[in-house]
Amino acid sequence: MTPPEKEVFEKMNRILDLAGGKPSKVKSIKISETMRLGNDAGTAGVWEPSQNMIVIKRTQLRSLSSFAGTLIHEIVHAKSGCGDFSLGFELALTEVLGSVMSKILE
């Protein structure tokens, strides 16, 4: 990783704390140059429940906003067990975002 990428990555634990902590089922969070899914260009991150692992594409480390958004998105998948485009996921994501904002603004 480049120094700017490391600086963004080093904020991971603070992001996780704000989002309610790393779910116990998440055993690792990894950065990858590429993603295994068919649409590599559009995939920023993935929760792999069979491996209890979150994988985030390295390009997300270009900005704190991109990395934080992707990390929280994948954490919500792990916490909720819901997939993209589902009401369950949307409700869980809204709950986490509300909690994050409350912690920041209090």
PDB file of N, CA and C in Angstrom:
ATOM      1  N   MET A   1       0.831  -1.187   0.000  1.00  0.00           N
ATOM      2  CA  MET A   1       0.000   0.000   0.000  1.00  0.00           C
ATOM      3  C   MET A   1       0.875   1.250   0.000  1.00  0.00           C
ATOM      4  N   THR A   2       0.357   2.258  -0.646  1.00  0.00           N
ATOM      5  CA  THR A   2       1.048   3.544  -0.630  1.00  0.00           C
ATOM      6  C   THR A   2       0.801   4.221   0.725  1.00  0.00           C
ATOM      7  N   PRO A   3       1.623   5.203   1.093  1.00  0.00           N
ATOM      8  CA  PRO A   3       1.367   5.902   2.368  1.00  0.00           C
ATOM      9  C   PRO A   3      -0.048   6.492   2.473  1.00  0.00           C
ATOM     10  N   PRO A   4      -0.575   7.143   1.430  1.00  0.00           N
ATOM     11  CA  PRO A   4      -1.949   7.638   1.560  1.00  0.00           C
ATOM     12  C   PRO A   4      -2.983   6.512   1.748  1.00  0.00           C
ATOM     13  N   GLU A   5      -2.773   5.377   1.072  1.00  0.00           N
ATOM     14  CA  GLU A   5      -3.676   4.236   1.242  1.00  0.00           C
ATOM     15  C   GLU A   5      -3.594   3.702   2.663  1.00  0.00           C
ATOM     16  N   LYS A   6      -2.399   3.608   3.216  1.00  0.00           N
ATOM     17  CA  LYS A   6      -2.222   3.143   4.594  1.00  0.00           C
ATOM     18  C   LYS A   6      -2.924   4.071   5.574  1.00  0.00           C
ATOM     19  N   GLU A   7      -2.840   5.371   5.308  1.00  0.00           N
ATOM     20  CA  GLU A   7      -3.483   6.350   6.178  1.00  0.00           C
ATOM     21  C   GLU A   7      -5.002   6.123   6.217  1.00  0.00           C
ATOM     22  N   VAL A   8      -5.581   5.860   5.072  1.00  0.00           N
ATOM     23  CA  VAL A   8      -7.023   5.571   5.010  1.00  0.00           C
ATOM     24  C   VAL A   8      -7.313   4.244   5.709  1.00  0.00           C
ATOM     25  N   PHE A   9      -6.555   3.201   5.402  1.00  0.00           N
ATOM     26  CA  PHE A   9      -6.784   1.872   5.971  1.00  0.00           C
ATOM     27  C   PHE A   9      -6.658   1.875   7.494  1.00  0.00           C
ATOM     28  N   GLU A  10      -5.761   2.678   8.014  1.00  0.00           N
ATOM     29  CA  GLU A  10      -5.555   2.743   9.463  1.00  0.00           C
ATOM     30  C   GLU A  10      -6.752   3.324  10.209  1.00  0.00           C
ATOM     31  N   LYS A  11      -7.703   3.884   9.511  1.00  0.00           N
ATOM     32  CA  LYS A  11      -8.919   4.411  10.134  1.00  0.00           C
ATOM     33  C   LYS A  11     -10.009   3.337  10.244  1.00  0.00           C
ATOM     34  N   MET A  12      -9.708   2.132   9.797  1.00  0.00           N
ATOM     35  CA  MET A  12     -10.695   1.062   9.786  1.00  0.00           C
ATOM     36  C   MET A  12     -11.307   0.805  11.158  1.00  0.00           C
ATOM     37  N   ASN A  13     -10.511   0.708  12.200  1.00  0.00           N
ATOM     38  CA  ASN A  13     -11.061   0.391  13.521  1.00  0.00           C
ATOM     39  C   ASN A  13     -11.978   1.491  14.029  1.00  0.00           C
ATOM     40  N   ARG A  14     -11.652   2.730  13.748  1.00  0.00           N
ATOM     41  CA  ARG A  14     -12.525   3.843  14.151  1.00  0.00           C
ATOM     42  C   ARG A  14     -13.848   3.778  13.391  1.00  0.00           C
ATOM     43  N   ILE A  15     -13.795   3.469  12.104  1.00  0.00           N
ATOM     44  CA  ILE A  15     -15.016   3.317  11.310  1.00  0.00           C
ATOM     45  C   ILE A  15     -15.867   2.187  11.889  1.00  0.00           C
ATOM     46  N   LEU A  16     -15.228   1.060  12.187  1.00  0.00           N
ATOM     47  CA  LEU A  16     -15.949  -0.078  12.759  1.00  0.00           C
ATOM     48  C   LEU A  16     -16.582   0.294  14.099  1.00  0.00           C
ATOM     49  N   ASP A  17     -15.850   1.018  14.943  1.00  0.00           N
ATOM     50  CA  ASP A  17     -16.395   1.445  16.236  1.00  0.00           C
ATOM     51  C   ASP A  17     -17.648   2.298  16.041  1.00  0.00           C
ATOM     52  N   LEU A  18     -17.577   3.251  15.118  1.00  0.00           N
ATOM     53  CA  LEU A  18     -18.722   4.116  14.855  1.00  0.00           C
ATOM     54  C   LEU A  18     -19.914   3.330  14.321  1.00  0.00           C
ATOM     55  N   ALA A  19     -19.646   2.271  13.581  1.00  0.00           N
ATOM     56  CA  ALA A  19     -20.709   1.453  12.986  1.00  0.00           C
ATOM     57  C   ALA A  19     -21.209   0.362  13.932  1.00  0.00           C
ATOM     58  N   GLY A  20     -20.780   0.388  15.182  1.00  0.00           N
ATOM     59  CA  GLY A  20     -21.255  -0.597  16.152  1.00  0.00           C
ATOM     60  C   GLY A  20     -20.316  -1.757  16.377  1.00  0.00           C
ATOM     61  N   GLY A  21     -19.125  -1.685  15.830  1.00  0.00           N
ATOM     62  CA  GLY A  21     -18.129  -2.735  16.024  1.00  0.00           C
ATOM     63  C   GLY A  21     -18.135  -3.755  14.903  1.00  0.00           C
ATOM     64  N   LYS A  22     -17.059  -4.502  14.857  1.00  0.00           N
ATOM     65  CA  LYS A  22     -16.952  -5.564  13.855  1.00  0.00           C
ATOM     66  C   LYS A  22     -17.804  -6.741  14.319  1.00  0.00           C
ATOM     67  N   PRO A  23     -18.741  -7.193  13.490  1.00  0.00           N
ATOM     68  CA  PRO A  23     -19.545  -8.359  13.882  1.00  0.00           C
ATOM     69  C   PRO A  23     -18.647  -9.566  14.169  1.00  0.00           C
ATOM     70  N   SER A  24     -19.018 -10.344  15.169  1.00  0.00           N
ATOM     71  CA  SER A  24     -18.182 -11.495  15.556  1.00  0.00           C
ATOM     72  C   SER A  24     -18.010 -12.486  14.419  1.00  0.00           C
ATOM     73  N   LYS A  25     -18.974 -12.559  13.511  1.00  0.00           N
ATOM     74  CA  LYS A  25     -18.855 -13.505  12.396  1.00  0.00           C
ATOM     75  C   LYS A  25     -17.821 -13.072  11.368  1.00  0.00           C
ATOM     76  N   VAL A  26     -17.408 -11.796  11.388  1.00  0.00           N
ATOM     77  CA  VAL A  26     -16.399 -11.310  10.441  1.00  0.00           C
ATOM     78  C   VAL A  26     -15.018 -11.640  11.009  1.00  0.00           C
ATOM     79  N   LYS A  27     -14.361 -12.599  10.421  1.00  0.00           N
ATOM     80  CA  LYS A  27     -13.046 -13.039  10.908  1.00  0.00           C
ATOM     81  C   LYS A  27     -11.906 -12.237  10.295  1.00  0.00           C
ATOM     82  N   SER A  28     -12.114 -11.702   9.082  1.00  0.00           N
ATOM     83  CA  SER A  28     -11.048 -10.913   8.465  1.00  0.00           C
ATOM     84  C   SER A  28     -11.629  -9.905   7.486  1.00  0.00           C
ATOM     85  N   ILE A  29     -10.863  -8.828   7.321  1.00  0.00           N
ATOM     86  CA  ILE A  29     -11.181  -7.794   6.346  1.00  0.00           C
ATOM     87  C   ILE A  29      -9.926  -7.608   5.519  1.00  0.00           C
ATOM     88  N   LYS A  30     -10.046  -7.889   4.228  1.00  0.00           N
ATOM     89  CA  LYS A  30      -8.876  -7.877   3.353  1.00  0.00           C
ATOM     90  C   LYS A  30      -9.043  -6.875   2.223  1.00  0.00           C
ATOM     91  N   ILE A  31      -7.901  -6.431   1.720  1.00  0.00           N
ATOM     92  CA  ILE A  31      -7.842  -5.539   0.567  1.00  0.00           C
ATOM     93  C   ILE A  31      -7.328  -6.359  -0.612  1.00  0.00           C
ATOM     94  N   SER A  32      -7.941  -6.163  -1.777  1.00  0.00           N
ATOM     95  CA  SER A  32      -7.551  -6.920  -2.966  1.00  0.00           C
ATOM     96  C   SER A  32      -7.412  -5.991  -4.166  1.00  0.00           C
ATOM     97  N   GLU A  33      -6.455  -6.297  -5.009  1.00  0.00           N
ATOM     98  CA  GLU A  33      -6.288  -5.556  -6.269  1.00  0.00           C
ATOM     99  C   GLU A  33      -7.472  -5.778  -7.190  1.00  0.00           C
ATOM    100  N   THR A  34      -8.025  -6.967  -7.181  1.00  0.00           N
ATOM    101  CA  THR A  34      -9.141  -7.318  -8.062  1.00  0.00           C
ATOM    102  C   THR A  34     -10.218  -8.008  -7.247  1.00  0.00           C
ATOM    103  N   MET A  35     -11.396  -8.094  -7.843  1.00  0.00           N
ATOM    104  CA  MET A  35     -12.509  -8.787  -7.210  1.00  0.00           C
ATOM    105  C   MET A  35     -12.856  -9.993  -8.073  1.00  0.00           C
ATOM    106  N   ARG A  36     -13.301 -11.067  -7.437  1.00  0.00           N
ATOM    107  CA  ARG A  36     -13.597 -12.295  -8.166  1.00  0.00           C
ATOM    108  C   ARG A  36     -14.944 -12.283  -8.864  1.00  0.00           C
ATOM    109  N   LEU A  37     -15.806 -11.359  -8.531  1.00  0.00           N
ATOM    110  CA  LEU A  37     -17.118 -11.331  -9.153  1.00  0.00           C
ATOM    111  C   LEU A  37     -17.006 -10.944 -10.618  1.00  0.00           C
ATOM    112  N   GLY A  38     -17.993 -11.295 -11.396  1.00  0.00           N
ATOM    113  CA  GLY A  38     -17.956 -11.051 -12.832  1.00  0.00           C
ATOM    114  C   GLY A  38     -17.794  -9.593 -13.231  1.00  0.00           C
ATOM    115  N   ASN A  39     -18.386  -8.673 -12.486  1.00  0.00           N
ATOM    116  CA  ASN A  39     -18.314  -7.255 -12.834  1.00  0.00           C
ATOM    117  C   ASN A  39     -17.245  -6.580 -11.982  1.00  0.00           C
ATOM    118  N   ASP A  40     -15.999  -6.896 -12.239  1.00  0.00           N
ATOM    119  CA  ASP A  40     -14.878  -6.395 -11.440  1.00  0.00           C
ATOM    120  C   ASP A  40     -14.858  -4.880 -11.353  1.00  0.00           C
ATOM    121  N   ALA A  41     -15.143  -4.193 -12.448  1.00  0.00           N
ATOM    122  CA  ALA A  41     -15.055  -2.731 -12.477  1.00  0.00           C
ATOM    123  C   ALA A  41     -16.064  -2.082 -11.540  1.00  0.00           C
ATOM    124  N   GLY A  42     -17.223  -2.705 -11.339  1.00  0.00           N
ATOM    125  CA  GLY A  42     -18.258  -2.096 -10.525  1.00  0.00           C
ATOM    126  C   GLY A  42     -18.345  -2.624  -9.111  1.00  0.00           C
ATOM    127  N   THR A  43     -17.549  -3.591  -8.769  1.00  0.00           N
ATOM    128  CA  THR A  43     -17.618  -4.191  -7.445  1.00  0.00           C
ATOM    129  C   THR A  43     -16.561  -3.577  -6.543  1.00  0.00           C
ATOM    130  N   ALA A  44     -17.020  -2.879  -5.503  1.00  0.00           N
ATOM    131  CA  ALA A  44     -16.096  -2.212  -4.579  1.00  0.00           C
ATOM    132  C   ALA A  44     -15.770  -3.068  -3.376  1.00  0.00           C
ATOM    133  N   GLY A  45     -16.674  -3.958  -3.023  1.00  0.00           N
ATOM    134  CA  GLY A  45     -16.456  -4.804  -1.862  1.00  0.00           C
ATOM    135  C   GLY A  45     -17.415  -5.973  -1.883  1.00  0.00           C
ATOM    136  N   VAL A  46     -17.131  -6.957  -1.055  1.00  0.00           N
ATOM    137  CA  VAL A  46     -17.999  -8.131  -0.979  1.00  0.00           C
ATOM    138  C   VAL A  46     -17.882  -8.766   0.413  1.00  0.00           C
ATOM    139  N   TRP A  47     -19.010  -9.215   0.915  1.00  0.00           N
ATOM    140  CA  TRP A  47     -19.064 -10.026   2.129  1.00  0.00           C
ATOM    141  C   TRP A  47     -19.153 -11.469   1.673  1.00  0.00           C
ATOM    142  N   GLU A  48     -18.167 -12.276   2.083  1.00  0.00           N
ATOM    143  CA  GLU A  48     -18.134 -13.689   1.709  1.00  0.00           C
ATOM    144  C   GLU A  48     -18.467 -14.509   2.947  1.00  0.00           C
ATOM    145  N   PRO A  49     -19.775 -14.803   3.155  1.00  0.00           N
ATOM    146  CA  PRO A  49     -20.175 -15.500   4.372  1.00  0.00           C
ATOM    147  C   PRO A  49     -19.565 -16.889   4.528  1.00  0.00           C
ATOM    148  N   SER A  50     -19.283 -17.563   3.425  1.00  0.00           N
ATOM    149  CA  SER A  50     -18.704 -18.905   3.525  1.00  0.00           C
ATOM    150  C   SER A  50     -17.290 -18.872   4.115  1.00  0.00           C
ATOM    151  N   GLN A  51     -16.629 -17.717   4.018  1.00  0.00           N
ATOM    152  CA  GLN A  51     -15.275 -17.566   4.544  1.00  0.00           C
ATOM    153  C   GLN A  51     -15.223 -16.575   5.703  1.00  0.00           C
ATOM    154  N   ASN A  52     -16.388 -16.041   6.090  1.00  0.00           N
ATOM    155  CA  ASN A  52     -16.464 -15.039   7.164  1.00  0.00           C
ATOM    156  C   ASN A  52     -15.483 -13.901   6.912  1.00  0.00           C
ATOM    157  N   MET A  53     -15.491 -13.397   5.676  1.00  0.00           N
ATOM    158  CA  MET A  53     -14.486 -12.426   5.262  1.00  0.00           C
ATOM    159  C   MET A  53     -15.119 -11.323   4.427  1.00  0.00           C
ATOM    160  N   ILE A  54     -14.627 -10.115   4.659  1.00  0.00           N
ATOM    161  CA  ILE A  54     -14.968  -8.981   3.814  1.00  0.00           C
ATOM    162  C   ILE A  54     -13.747  -8.692   2.953  1.00  0.00           C
ATOM    163  N   VAL A  55     -13.984  -8.495   1.660  1.00  0.00           N
ATOM    164  CA  VAL A  55     -12.912  -8.129   0.739  1.00  0.00           C
ATOM    165  C   VAL A  55     -13.286  -6.786   0.132  1.00  0.00           C
ATOM    166  N   ILE A  56     -12.352  -5.841   0.199  1.00  0.00           N
ATOM    167  CA  ILE A  56     -12.568  -4.507  -0.355  1.00  0.00           C
ATOM    168  C   ILE A  56     -11.515  -4.254  -1.418  1.00  0.00           C
ATOM    169  N   LYS A  57     -11.977  -3.754  -2.555  1.00  0.00           N
ATOM    170  CA  LYS A  57     -11.066  -3.476  -3.656  1.00  0.00           C
ATOM    171  C   LYS A  57     -10.124  -2.325  -3.281  1.00  0.00           C
ATOM    172  N   ARG A  58      -8.880  -2.469  -3.629  1.00  0.00           N
ATOM    173  CA  ARG A  58      -7.850  -1.503  -3.262  1.00  0.00           C
ATOM    174  C   ARG A  58      -8.175  -0.078  -3.711  1.00  0.00           C
ATOM    175  N   THR A  59      -8.854   0.064  -4.826  1.00  0.00           N
ATOM    176  CA  THR A  59      -9.188   1.409  -5.312  1.00  0.00           C
ATOM    177  C   THR A  59     -10.011   2.195  -4.300  1.00  0.00           C
ATOM    178  N   GLN A  60     -10.700   1.514  -3.398  1.00  0.00           N
ATOM    179  CA  GLN A  60     -11.509   2.200  -2.384  1.00  0.00           C
ATOM    180  C   GLN A  60     -10.640   2.969  -1.384  1.00  0.00           C
ATOM    181  N   LEU A  61      -9.366   2.621  -1.316  1.00  0.00           N
ATOM    182  CA  LEU A  61      -8.455   3.304  -0.396  1.00  0.00           C
ATOM    183  C   LEU A  61      -8.016   4.665  -0.922  1.00  0.00           C
ATOM    184  N   ARG A  62      -8.494   5.050  -2.097  1.00  0.00           N
ATOM    185  CA  ARG A  62      -8.132   6.353  -2.655  1.00  0.00           C
ATOM    186  C   ARG A  62      -8.750   7.497  -1.865  1.00  0.00           C
ATOM    187  N   SER A  63      -9.860   7.207  -1.172  1.00  0.00           N
ATOM    188  CA  SER A  63     -10.467   8.250  -0.342  1.00  0.00           C
ATOM    189  C   SER A  63     -11.088   7.606   0.895  1.00  0.00           C
ATOM    190  N   LEU A  64     -11.063   8.353   1.978  1.00  0.00           N
ATOM    191  CA  LEU A  64     -11.662   7.873   3.221  1.00  0.00           C
ATOM    192  C   LEU A  64     -13.159   7.642   3.030  1.00  0.00           C
ATOM    193  N   SER A  65     -13.809   8.519   2.302  1.00  0.00           N
ATOM    194  CA  SER A  65     -15.238   8.390   2.065  1.00  0.00           C
ATOM    195  C   SER A  65     -15.577   7.087   1.339  1.00  0.00           C
ATOM    196  N   SER A  66     -14.834   6.766   0.290  1.00  0.00           N
ATOM    197  CA  SER A  66     -15.085   5.527  -0.458  1.00  0.00           C
ATOM    198  C   SER A  66     -14.836   4.299   0.402  1.00  0.00           C
ATOM    199  N   PHE A  67     -13.727   4.286   1.114  1.00  0.00           N
ATOM    200  CA  PHE A  67     -13.391   3.144   1.961  1.00  0.00           C
ATOM    201  C   PHE A  67     -14.423   2.978   3.069  1.00  0.00           C
ATOM    202  N   ALA A  68     -14.748   4.067   3.759  1.00  0.00           N
ATOM    203  CA  ALA A  68     -15.703   3.989   4.863  1.00  0.00           C
ATOM    204  C   ALA A  68     -17.067   3.521   4.370  1.00  0.00           C
ATOM    205  N   GLY A  69     -17.521   4.071   3.251  1.00  0.00           N
ATOM    206  CA  GLY A  69     -18.818   3.680   2.714  1.00  0.00           C
ATOM    207  C   GLY A  69     -18.872   2.205   2.351  1.00  0.00           C
ATOM    208  N   THR A  70     -17.831   1.729   1.699  1.00  0.00           N
ATOM    209  CA  THR A  70     -17.785   0.316   1.302  1.00  0.00           C
ATOM    210  C   THR A  70     -17.685  -0.585   2.522  1.00  0.00           C
ATOM    211  N   LEU A  71     -16.850  -0.214   3.479  1.00  0.00           N
ATOM    212  CA  LEU A  71     -16.701  -1.021   4.694  1.00  0.00           C
ATOM    213  C   LEU A  71     -18.026  -1.119   5.439  1.00  0.00           C
ATOM    214  N   ILE A  72     -18.700   0.003   5.633  1.00  0.00           N
ATOM    215  CA  ILE A  72     -19.983  -0.026   6.333  1.00  0.00           C
ATOM    216  C   ILE A  72     -21.003  -0.841   5.543  1.00  0.00           C
ATOM    217  N   HIS A  73     -21.030  -0.687   4.236  1.00  0.00           N
ATOM    218  CA  HIS A  73     -21.945  -1.456   3.388  1.00  0.00           C
ATOM    219  C   HIS A  73     -21.756  -2.958   3.616  1.00  0.00           C
ATOM    220  N   GLU A  74     -20.514  -3.409   3.590  1.00  0.00           N
ATOM    221  CA  GLU A  74     -20.240  -4.842   3.751  1.00  0.00           C
ATOM    222  C   GLU A  74     -20.479  -5.309   5.186  1.00  0.00           C
ATOM    223  N   ILE A  75     -20.208  -4.455   6.158  1.00  0.00           N
ATOM    224  CA  ILE A  75     -20.498  -4.787   7.561  1.00  0.00           C
ATOM    225  C   ILE A  75     -21.999  -5.005   7.743  1.00  0.00           C
ATOM    226  N   VAL A  76     -22.803  -4.169   7.096  1.00  0.00           N
ATOM    227  CA  VAL A  76     -24.254  -4.323   7.202  1.00  0.00           C
ATOM    228  C   VAL A  76     -24.709  -5.632   6.567  1.00  0.00           C
ATOM    229  N   HIS A  77     -24.092  -6.038   5.470  1.00  0.00           N
ATOM    230  CA  HIS A  77     -24.417  -7.357   4.902  1.00  0.00           C
ATOM    231  C   HIS A  77     -24.125  -8.446   5.930  1.00  0.00           C
ATOM    232  N   ALA A  78     -22.973  -8.368   6.568  1.00  0.00           N
ATOM    233  CA  ALA A  78     -22.598  -9.387   7.551  1.00  0.00           C
ATOM    234  C   ALA A  78     -23.547  -9.381   8.747  1.00  0.00           C
ATOM    235  N   LYS A  79     -23.885  -8.191   9.239  1.00  0.00           N
ATOM    236  CA  LYS A  79     -24.766  -8.088  10.405  1.00  0.00           C
ATOM    237  C   LYS A  79     -26.179  -8.550  10.095  1.00  0.00           C
ATOM    238  N   SER A  80     -26.695  -8.138   8.947  1.00  0.00           N
ATOM    239  CA  SER A  80     -28.096  -8.383   8.637  1.00  0.00           C
ATOM    240  C   SER A  80     -28.357  -9.734   7.984  1.00  0.00           C
ATOM    241  N   GLY A  81     -27.362 -10.244   7.290  1.00  0.00           N
ATOM    242  CA  GLY A  81     -27.569 -11.472   6.529  1.00  0.00           C
ATOM    243  C   GLY A  81     -28.386 -11.244   5.272  1.00  0.00           C
ATOM    244  N   CYS A  82     -28.637  -9.990   4.951  1.00  0.00           N
ATOM    245  CA  CYS A  82     -29.464  -9.641   3.784  1.00  0.00           C
ATOM    246  C   CYS A  82     -28.587  -9.254   2.596  1.00  0.00           C
ATOM    247  N   GLY A  83     -29.096  -9.505   1.417  1.00  0.00           N
ATOM    248  CA  GLY A  83     -28.388  -9.151   0.200  1.00  0.00           C
ATOM    249  C   GLY A  83     -28.748  -7.759  -0.289  1.00  0.00           C
ATOM    250  N   ASP A  84     -28.030  -7.309  -1.306  1.00  0.00           N
ATOM    251  CA  ASP A  84     -28.318  -6.018  -1.936  1.00  0.00           C
ATOM    252  C   ASP A  84     -29.749  -5.997  -2.456  1.00  0.00           C
ATOM    253  N   PHE A  85     -30.288  -4.800  -2.552  1.00  0.00           N
ATOM    254  CA  PHE A  85     -31.600  -4.569  -3.156  1.00  0.00           C
ATOM    255  C   PHE A  85     -32.747  -5.217  -2.386  1.00  0.00           C
ATOM    256  N   SER A  86     -32.539  -5.458  -1.084  1.00  0.00           N
ATOM    257  CA  SER A  86     -33.619  -6.012  -0.276  1.00  0.00           C
ATOM    258  C   SER A  86     -34.045  -4.991   0.771  1.00  0.00           C
ATOM    259  N   LEU A  87     -35.289  -5.062   1.167  1.00  0.00           N
ATOM    260  CA  LEU A  87     -35.798  -4.154   2.198  1.00  0.00           C
ATOM    261  C   LEU A  87     -35.051  -4.375   3.505  1.00  0.00           C
ATOM    262  N   GLY A  88     -34.737  -5.622   3.820  1.00  0.00           N
ATOM    263  CA  GLY A  88     -34.001  -5.913   5.053  1.00  0.00           C
ATOM    264  C   GLY A  88     -32.651  -5.226   5.085  1.00  0.00           C
ATOM    265  N   PHE A  89     -31.948  -5.258   3.957  1.00  0.00           N
ATOM    266  CA  PHE A  89     -30.649  -4.599   3.885  1.00  0.00           C
ATOM    267  C   PHE A  89     -30.810  -3.092   4.018  1.00  0.00           C
ATOM    268  N   GLU A  90     -31.781  -2.528   3.313  1.00  0.00           N
ATOM    269  CA  GLU A  90     -32.005  -1.079   3.360  1.00  0.00           C
ATOM    270  C   GLU A  90     -32.324  -0.624   4.780  1.00  0.00           C
ATOM    271  N   LEU A  91     -33.158  -1.368   5.488  1.00  0.00           N
ATOM    272  CA  LEU A  91     -33.496  -1.014   6.868  1.00  0.00           C
ATOM    273  C   LEU A  91     -32.283  -1.127   7.790  1.00  0.00           C
ATOM    274  N   ALA A  92     -31.487  -2.181   7.614  1.00  0.00           N
ATOM    275  CA  ALA A  92     -30.287  -2.357   8.442  1.00  0.00           C
ATOM    276  C   ALA A  92     -29.268  -1.267   8.164  1.00  0.00           C
ATOM    277  N   LEU A  93     -29.101  -0.907   6.902  1.00  0.00           N
ATOM    278  CA  LEU A  93     -28.166   0.152   6.539  1.00  0.00           C
ATOM    279  C   LEU A  93     -28.615   1.494   7.119  1.00  0.00           C
ATOM    280  N   THR A  94     -29.899   1.775   7.038  1.00  0.00           N
ATOM    281  CA  THR A  94     -30.433   3.017   7.601  1.00  0.00           C
ATOM    282  C   THR A  94     -30.194   3.074   9.102  1.00  0.00           C
ATOM    283  N   GLU A  95     -30.383   1.959   9.786  1.00  0.00           N
ATOM    284  CA  GLU A  95     -30.152   1.904  11.239  1.00  0.00           C
ATOM    285  C   GLU A  95     -28.691   2.191  11.577  1.00  0.00           C
ATOM    286  N   VAL A  96     -27.769   1.585  10.852  1.00  0.00           N
ATOM    287  CA  VAL A  96     -26.345   1.805  11.116  1.00  0.00           C
ATOM    288  C   VAL A  96     -25.956   3.245  10.808  1.00  0.00           C
ATOM    289  N   LEU A  97     -26.438   3.780   9.702  1.00  0.00           N
ATOM    290  CA  LEU A  97     -26.113   5.167   9.354  1.00  0.00           C
ATOM    291  C   LEU A  97     -26.657   6.132  10.399  1.00  0.00           C
ATOM    292  N   GLY A  98     -27.845   5.896  10.892  1.00  0.00           N
ATOM    293  CA  GLY A  98     -28.400   6.722  11.946  1.00  0.00           C
ATOM    294  C   GLY A  98     -27.578   6.653  13.217  1.00  0.00           C
ATOM    295  N   SER A  99     -27.129   5.465  13.560  1.00  0.00           N
ATOM    296  CA  SER A  99     -26.288   5.285  14.748  1.00  0.00           C
ATOM    297  C   SER A  99     -24.948   6.004  14.599  1.00  0.00           C
ATOM    298  N   VAL A 100     -24.342   5.878  13.435  1.00  0.00           N
ATOM    299  CA  VAL A 100     -23.071   6.553  13.164  1.00  0.00           C
ATOM    300  C   VAL A 100     -23.235   8.061  13.323  1.00  0.00           C
ATOM    301  N   MET A 101     -24.256   8.601  12.708  1.00  0.00           N
ATOM    302  CA  MET A 101     -24.462  10.052  12.769  1.00  0.00           C
ATOM    303  C   MET A 101     -24.734  10.504  14.196  1.00  0.00           C
ATOM    304  N   SER A 102     -25.487   9.736  14.950  1.00  0.00           N
ATOM    305  CA  SER A 102     -25.747  10.089  16.359  1.00  0.00           C
ATOM    306  C   SER A 102     -24.453  10.153  17.155  1.00  0.00           C
ATOM    307  N   LYS A 103     -23.570   9.177  16.943  1.00  0.00           N
ATOM    308  CA  LYS A 103     -22.293   9.153  17.653  1.00  0.00           C
ATOM    309  C   LYS A 103     -21.421  10.359  17.273  1.00  0.00           C
ATOM    310  N   ILE A 104     -21.435  10.711  16.025  1.00  0.00           N
ATOM    311  CA  ILE A 104     -20.617  11.841  15.549  1.00  0.00           C
ATOM    312  C   ILE A 104     -21.155  13.157  16.100  1.00  0.00           C
ATOM    313  N   LEU A 105     -22.464  13.307  16.125  1.00  0.00           N
ATOM    314  CA  LEU A 105     -23.071  14.586  16.485  1.00  0.00           C
ATOM    315  C   LEU A 105     -23.282  14.783  17.988  1.00  0.00           C
ATOM    316  N   GLU A 106     -23.176  13.727  18.759  1.00  0.00           N
ATOM    317  CA  GLU A 106     -23.377  13.877  20.215  1.00  0.00           C
ATOM    318  C   GLU A 106     -22.140  14.437  20.887  1.00  0.00           C
TER     319      GLU A 106
END
